Amino acid sequence: MPQTSTLYSFVNRWECDENDHLNVQFYFARFEEADRQFRLLSGLSDAVAGPRRVRHIRYHRELKDADLIEVRSGLAFDGPHMLTVIHEMLDPATGTLAATAIDGYDPGTHAAKSLRDRFAPHIVAMPEHAAPRGLGASPAPGRTGPSDLESQSAQICFRGTVMPRHLGPDNKADDGFALSAFTDGVVHVWQRTPMNHAFLTKHGYGRVAVEMKLTWHSPLKNGEAFYILTGFTGCREKTFSFRHHMFEARTDRLVACLDVVALVLDLKTRKSVALPGSAMDQIRRQTISV
């Protein structure tokens, strides 16, 4: 079956970051809205399939100022989860695929046949380009505490408070707000490597994420203060990875984790560059166990 168009949008100039492309928080916000529309159109709900366990995004092409956006959504039973909702974001003017998101649900094998019948008009084949690549498909574990992370070289990179304007329709902070906090904090994570602000400015480089996985562990509500603890999880020749842990500040309750695969982008050629050897060494010395 063809996918359902669930969002029509546009890249506004104020949504673009220092790399002159759409900031990742607005990809998440648009996928969140597309998912709300898909749930309405398909009848998918937590009561039917259980809560979403994880959202996994891959960035395929840059979206820039004034680009058009369309999201098309479907549901797969041959994906990495028992039930996988697939969102594909593209520029309808060119047909270029910009990003993909897969949402993982685990309603139980006993429900497979009834769910297949119920969602038959929306079932699509799992596309290879949306499959996890640099990150595993499973949700991040929820047993980590701040003391353990700090003992492994994780450091705080952001503090904030949830305000009424940050709440979604369910009166909880949504994906877009969480990503805005992670995005503001990540520059301080890069500062912990030789690829700091001075290095990037000198060479005309930018910070770019190519893959992300968001796992919510508990809700964050109006008035709650929070902080983000981040540790590196690995590196390769051109990419490195880290995990953000968002904690509610009063009780140190784990709220969410965001796994990220990042790279250095040459802002002139728009191509990735190899990580400096000193950066790889320093990241490996600070790697946490996950």
Protein backbone atom coordinates (compact mmCIF):
# COMPACT_ATOMS: atom_id res chain seq x y z
CA MET A 1 0.00 0.00 0.00
CA PRO A 2 1.21 3.57 -0.60
CA GLN A 3 2.26 5.65 2.35
CA THR A 4 -0.07 8.33 3.71
CA SER A 5 0.94 11.98 3.44
CA THR A 6 0.88 13.21 7.04
CA LEU A 7 2.60 16.61 6.92
CA TYR A 8 3.14 19.48 4.50
CA SER A 9 5.60 22.13 5.63
CA PHE A 10 8.42 24.49 4.72
CA VAL A 11 11.88 25.38 6.07
CA ASN A 12 11.81 28.81 7.68
CA ARG A 13 15.03 30.82 7.86
CA TRP A 14 14.81 31.12 11.64
CA GLU A 15 14.83 27.31 11.94
CA CYS A 16 18.27 27.00 10.31
CA ASP A 17 21.38 26.78 12.48
CA GLU A 18 25.00 27.91 12.14
CA ASN A 19 25.50 25.27 9.42
CA ASP A 20 22.80 26.94 7.27
CA HIS A 21 20.48 23.94 7.33
CA LEU A 22 17.39 22.90 9.28
CA ASN A 23 18.27 22.29 12.93
CA VAL A 24 17.63 18.75 14.17
CA GLN A 25 15.06 19.86 16.74
CA PHE A 26 12.75 20.89 13.90
CA TYR A 27 13.08 17.52 12.18
CA PHE A 28 11.88 15.93 15.42
CA ALA A 29 9.07 18.46 15.81
CA ARG A 30 7.83 17.75 12.30
CA PHE A 31 8.03 14.00 12.71
CA GLU A 32 6.10 14.39 15.97
CA GLU A 33 3.31 16.28 14.19
CA ALA A 34 3.29 13.79 11.29
CA ASP A 35 2.91 11.01 13.83
CA ARG A 36 -0.04 12.72 15.49
CA GLN A 37 -1.73 12.95 12.09
CA PHE A 38 -0.90 9.35 11.24
CA ARG A 39 -2.39 8.15 14.52
CA LEU A 40 -5.58 10.05 13.75
CA LEU A 41 -5.81 8.72 10.19
CA SER A 42 -4.90 5.11 11.01
CA GLY A 43 -6.44 4.63 14.44
CA LEU A 44 -3.10 3.77 16.04
CA SER A 45 -3.03 4.53 19.76
CA ASP A 46 -1.31 3.48 22.98
CA ALA A 47 -4.43 1.52 23.88
CA VAL A 48 -4.00 -0.55 20.71
CA ALA A 49 -0.23 -0.99 20.42
CA GLY A 50 1.17 0.21 23.74
CA PRO A 51 3.38 3.30 24.11
CA ARG A 52 6.12 4.12 21.65
CA ARG A 53 9.38 2.64 22.94
CA VAL A 54 11.87 4.47 20.75
CA ARG A 55 12.17 6.93 17.83
CA HIS A 56 15.16 6.47 15.52
CA ILE A 57 16.05 9.14 12.96
CA ARG A 58 18.55 9.10 10.11
CA TYR A 59 19.50 12.28 8.25
CA HIS A 60 20.06 11.63 4.53
CA ARG A 61 20.22 15.08 2.88
CA GLU A 62 20.36 18.65 4.16
CA LEU A 63 17.21 20.76 4.15
CA LYS A 64 17.89 24.46 3.71
CA ASP A 65 16.07 27.78 3.87
CA ALA A 66 12.85 27.78 1.78
CA ASP A 67 12.94 24.05 0.97
CA LEU A 68 9.58 22.31 0.87
CA ILE A 69 8.82 19.46 3.28
CA GLU A 70 6.42 16.55 3.02
CA VAL A 71 6.24 13.57 5.36
CA ARG A 72 4.74 10.25 4.30
CA SER A 73 3.95 7.60 6.88
CA GLY A 74 3.18 3.91 7.00
CA LEU A 75 3.33 0.88 9.24
CA ALA A 76 5.57 -2.19 8.85
CA PHE A 77 5.64 -5.64 10.41
CA ASP A 78 9.00 -6.56 8.85
CA GLY A 79 11.01 -3.83 10.59
CA PRO A 80 13.32 -4.02 13.63
CA HIS A 81 10.39 -3.85 16.06
CA MET A 82 7.28 -5.94 16.53
CA LEU A 83 5.39 -2.99 15.05
CA THR A 84 7.32 -0.23 13.28
CA VAL A 85 5.86 3.08 12.16
CA ILE A 86 7.87 4.60 9.30
CA HIS A 87 8.00 8.30 8.48
CA GLU A 88 9.85 9.53 5.39
CA MET A 89 10.62 13.24 5.04
CA LEU A 90 11.31 14.52 1.55
CA ASP A 91 11.43 17.66 -0.53
CA PRO A 92 8.43 17.23 -2.87
CA ALA A 93 9.85 19.80 -5.29
CA THR A 94 12.81 17.56 -6.06
CA GLY A 95 11.77 14.17 -4.67
CA THR A 96 14.92 14.14 -2.51
CA LEU A 97 14.73 12.04 0.65
CA ALA A 98 15.88 14.25 3.55
CA ALA A 99 15.33 12.12 6.66
CA THR A 100 13.61 9.00 7.95
CA ALA A 101 12.16 8.15 11.34
CA ILE A 102 11.11 4.76 12.63
CA ASP A 103 9.02 4.43 15.77
CA GLY A 104 9.24 1.16 17.66
CA TYR A 105 6.31 -0.52 19.45
CA ASP A 106 6.14 -3.89 21.21
CA PRO A 107 2.47 -4.91 21.47
CA GLY A 108 3.34 -8.61 21.87
CA THR A 109 3.41 -11.46 19.39
CA HIS A 110 -0.10 -12.56 20.38
CA ALA A 111 -1.48 -9.36 18.84
CA ALA A 112 0.36 -9.60 15.51
CA LYS A 113 -2.44 -11.05 13.38
CA SER A 114 -5.17 -8.77 14.71
CA LEU A 115 -2.94 -5.73 14.23
CA ARG A 116 -2.10 -6.76 10.66
CA ASP A 117 -5.81 -7.00 9.89
CA ARG A 118 -6.63 -3.76 11.67
CA PHE A 119 -3.93 -1.69 9.92
CA ALA A 120 -3.96 -3.44 6.52
CA PRO A 121 -4.62 -0.19 4.56
CA HIS A 122 -1.47 1.38 6.05
CA ILE A 123 1.03 -1.51 5.87
CA VAL A 124 4.21 -0.90 3.86
CA ALA A 125 7.49 -2.78 3.44
CA MET A 126 10.33 -1.68 5.71
CA PRO A 127 12.72 0.37 3.53
CA GLU A 128 16.42 -0.37 3.90
CA HIS A 129 17.32 3.33 3.92
CA ALA A 130 15.33 3.85 7.14
CA ALA A 131 16.92 0.94 9.03
CA PRO A 132 19.30 1.69 11.94
CA ARG A 133 22.90 1.94 10.84
CA GLY A 134 25.27 3.39 13.43
CA LEU A 135 23.00 2.78 16.44
CA GLY A 136 21.18 -0.33 17.65
CA ALA A 137 17.41 -0.52 17.26
CA SER A 138 16.64 -1.30 20.91
CA PRO A 139 15.68 1.45 23.36
CA ALA A 140 18.42 2.81 25.62
CA PRO A 141 18.35 1.09 29.04
CA GLY A 142 16.72 3.00 31.86
CA ARG A 143 18.76 1.82 34.83
CA THR A 144 21.58 4.39 34.68
CA GLY A 145 22.09 6.84 37.52
CA PRO A 146 23.98 10.16 37.57
CA SER A 147 26.64 9.00 40.06
CA ASP A 148 27.63 6.07 37.88
CA LEU A 149 27.77 8.23 34.76
CA GLU A 150 29.88 10.92 36.42
CA SER A 151 32.31 8.28 37.67
CA GLN A 152 32.81 7.31 34.01
CA SER A 153 33.62 10.85 32.78
CA ALA A 154 30.11 11.92 31.77
CA GLN A 155 29.54 15.62 32.41
CA ILE A 156 26.59 18.00 32.64
CA CYS A 157 26.11 20.01 29.45
CA PHE A 158 22.70 21.65 30.02
CA ARG A 159 20.21 22.72 32.70
CA GLY A 160 16.67 23.92 32.10
CA THR A 161 13.07 24.16 33.28
CA VAL A 162 9.89 23.06 31.50
CA MET A 163 7.53 25.98 30.87
CA PRO A 164 3.88 25.89 29.72
CA ARG A 165 4.92 26.77 26.15
CA HIS A 166 7.00 23.58 26.00
CA LEU A 167 4.10 21.17 26.60
CA GLY A 168 2.50 19.00 23.95
CA PRO A 169 -1.20 18.04 23.69
CA ASP A 170 -0.73 15.49 26.51
CA ASN A 171 0.65 18.19 28.86
CA LYS A 172 4.13 16.68 28.79
CA ALA A 173 7.33 17.99 27.21
CA ASP A 174 7.49 16.58 23.69
CA ASP A 175 10.25 15.48 21.31
CA GLY A 176 10.84 18.95 19.87
CA PHE A 177 11.46 20.46 23.30
CA ALA A 178 13.76 17.63 24.38
CA LEU A 179 15.79 18.03 21.20
CA SER A 180 16.07 21.78 21.66
CA ALA A 181 17.71 21.15 25.04
CA PHE A 182 19.99 18.41 23.72
CA THR A 183 20.97 20.61 20.77
CA ASP A 184 21.84 23.59 22.97
CA GLY A 185 23.88 21.36 25.26
CA VAL A 186 25.80 19.44 22.61
CA VAL A 187 28.18 22.30 21.80
CA HIS A 188 29.59 21.89 25.32
CA VAL A 189 30.15 18.19 24.63
CA TRP A 190 32.23 19.04 21.55
CA GLN A 191 34.26 21.43 23.73
CA ARG A 192 35.51 18.38 25.63
CA THR A 193 37.43 17.30 22.51
CA PRO A 194 40.09 18.97 20.33
CA MET A 195 37.21 19.66 17.88
CA ASN A 196 36.20 22.66 19.94
CA HIS A 197 34.74 25.98 18.82
CA ALA A 198 38.13 27.50 17.98
CA PHE A 199 39.16 24.47 15.89
CA LEU A 200 35.90 24.40 13.92
CA THR A 201 35.98 28.16 13.28
CA LYS A 202 39.60 28.09 12.14
CA HIS A 203 38.97 25.36 9.55
CA GLY A 204 35.49 26.35 8.42
CA TYR A 205 33.92 23.18 9.82
CA GLY A 206 30.54 22.50 11.40
CA ARG A 207 29.03 20.02 13.87
CA VAL A 208 26.54 17.61 12.28
CA ALA A 209 24.45 14.67 13.48
CA VAL A 210 23.72 11.87 11.02
CA GLU A 211 21.71 9.53 13.22
CA MET A 212 19.76 9.83 16.48
CA LYS A 213 17.73 7.57 18.74
CA LEU A 214 15.38 9.02 21.35
CA THR A 215 14.14 6.91 24.25
CA TRP A 216 11.67 8.34 26.76
CA HIS A 217 11.77 6.70 30.21
CA SER A 218 9.39 8.95 32.14
CA PRO A 219 7.44 12.18 31.48
CA LEU A 220 8.74 15.69 32.06
CA LYS A 221 5.99 18.11 33.07
CA ASN A 222 5.34 21.80 33.58
CA GLY A 223 7.60 23.44 36.16
CA GLU A 224 10.05 20.55 36.45
CA ALA A 225 13.74 21.42 36.31
CA PHE A 226 16.12 19.05 34.57
CA TYR A 227 19.75 18.59 33.61
CA ILE A 228 21.57 16.62 30.89
CA LEU A 229 24.57 14.37 31.56
CA THR A 230 26.47 13.27 28.46
CA GLY A 231 29.16 10.70 27.83
CA PHE A 232 30.96 9.48 24.71
CA THR A 233 30.16 5.95 23.54
CA GLY A 234 32.66 5.38 20.71
CA CYS A 235 34.40 6.73 17.62
CA ARG A 236 35.47 5.72 14.13
CA GLU A 237 37.50 7.37 11.37
CA LYS A 238 34.85 9.97 10.48
CA THR A 239 32.17 9.63 13.15
CA PHE A 240 31.87 9.52 16.91
CA SER A 241 28.94 8.76 19.18
CA PHE A 242 27.64 9.88 22.55
CA ARG A 243 24.59 9.48 24.75
CA HIS A 244 22.70 12.32 26.41
CA HIS A 245 20.89 11.42 29.66
CA MET A 246 18.15 13.82 30.77
CA PHE A 247 17.37 13.72 34.51
CA GLU A 248 14.64 15.49 36.48
CA ALA A 249 16.68 17.62 38.86
CA ARG A 250 14.81 17.26 42.17
CA THR A 251 14.83 13.46 42.35
CA ASP A 252 17.50 12.50 39.74
CA ARG A 253 14.80 10.56 37.89
CA LEU A 254 15.89 9.48 34.39
CA VAL A 255 13.59 11.13 31.87
CA ALA A 256 15.07 10.40 28.44
CA CYS A 257 18.17 9.30 26.54
CA LEU A 258 19.33 10.50 23.16
CA ASP A 259 21.96 8.49 21.31
CA VAL A 260 23.79 10.45 18.62
CA VAL A 261 26.20 9.68 15.78
CA ALA A 262 28.02 12.87 14.77
CA LEU A 263 30.65 14.02 12.31
CA VAL A 264 32.63 17.07 11.27
CA LEU A 265 31.31 18.79 8.13
CA ASP A 266 33.39 20.95 5.79
CA LEU A 267 31.03 23.89 5.28
CA LYS A 268 32.46 24.67 1.83
CA THR A 269 32.41 21.22 0.26
CA ARG A 270 29.48 20.00 2.45
CA LYS A 271 31.39 16.75 2.94
CA SER A 272 32.53 14.98 6.09
CA VAL A 273 36.19 15.05 7.13
CA ALA A 274 38.29 12.58 9.12
CA LEU A 275 38.46 13.10 12.87
CA PRO A 276 41.84 14.31 14.16
CA GLY A 277 43.83 11.54 15.81
CA SER A 278 44.02 13.56 19.01
CA ALA A 279 40.22 13.77 19.09
CA MET A 280 39.83 10.02 18.66
CA ASP A 281 42.29 9.39 21.50
CA GLN A 282 40.56 11.82 23.83
CA ILE A 283 37.08 10.47 23.06
CA ARG A 284 38.23 6.91 23.73
CA ARG A 285 39.68 7.94 27.10
CA GLN A 286 36.28 9.41 28.08
CA THR A 287 34.08 6.60 26.76
CA ILE A 288 31.34 5.38 29.10
CA SER A 289 29.90 1.86 29.23
CA VAL A 290 26.36 1.49 27.92
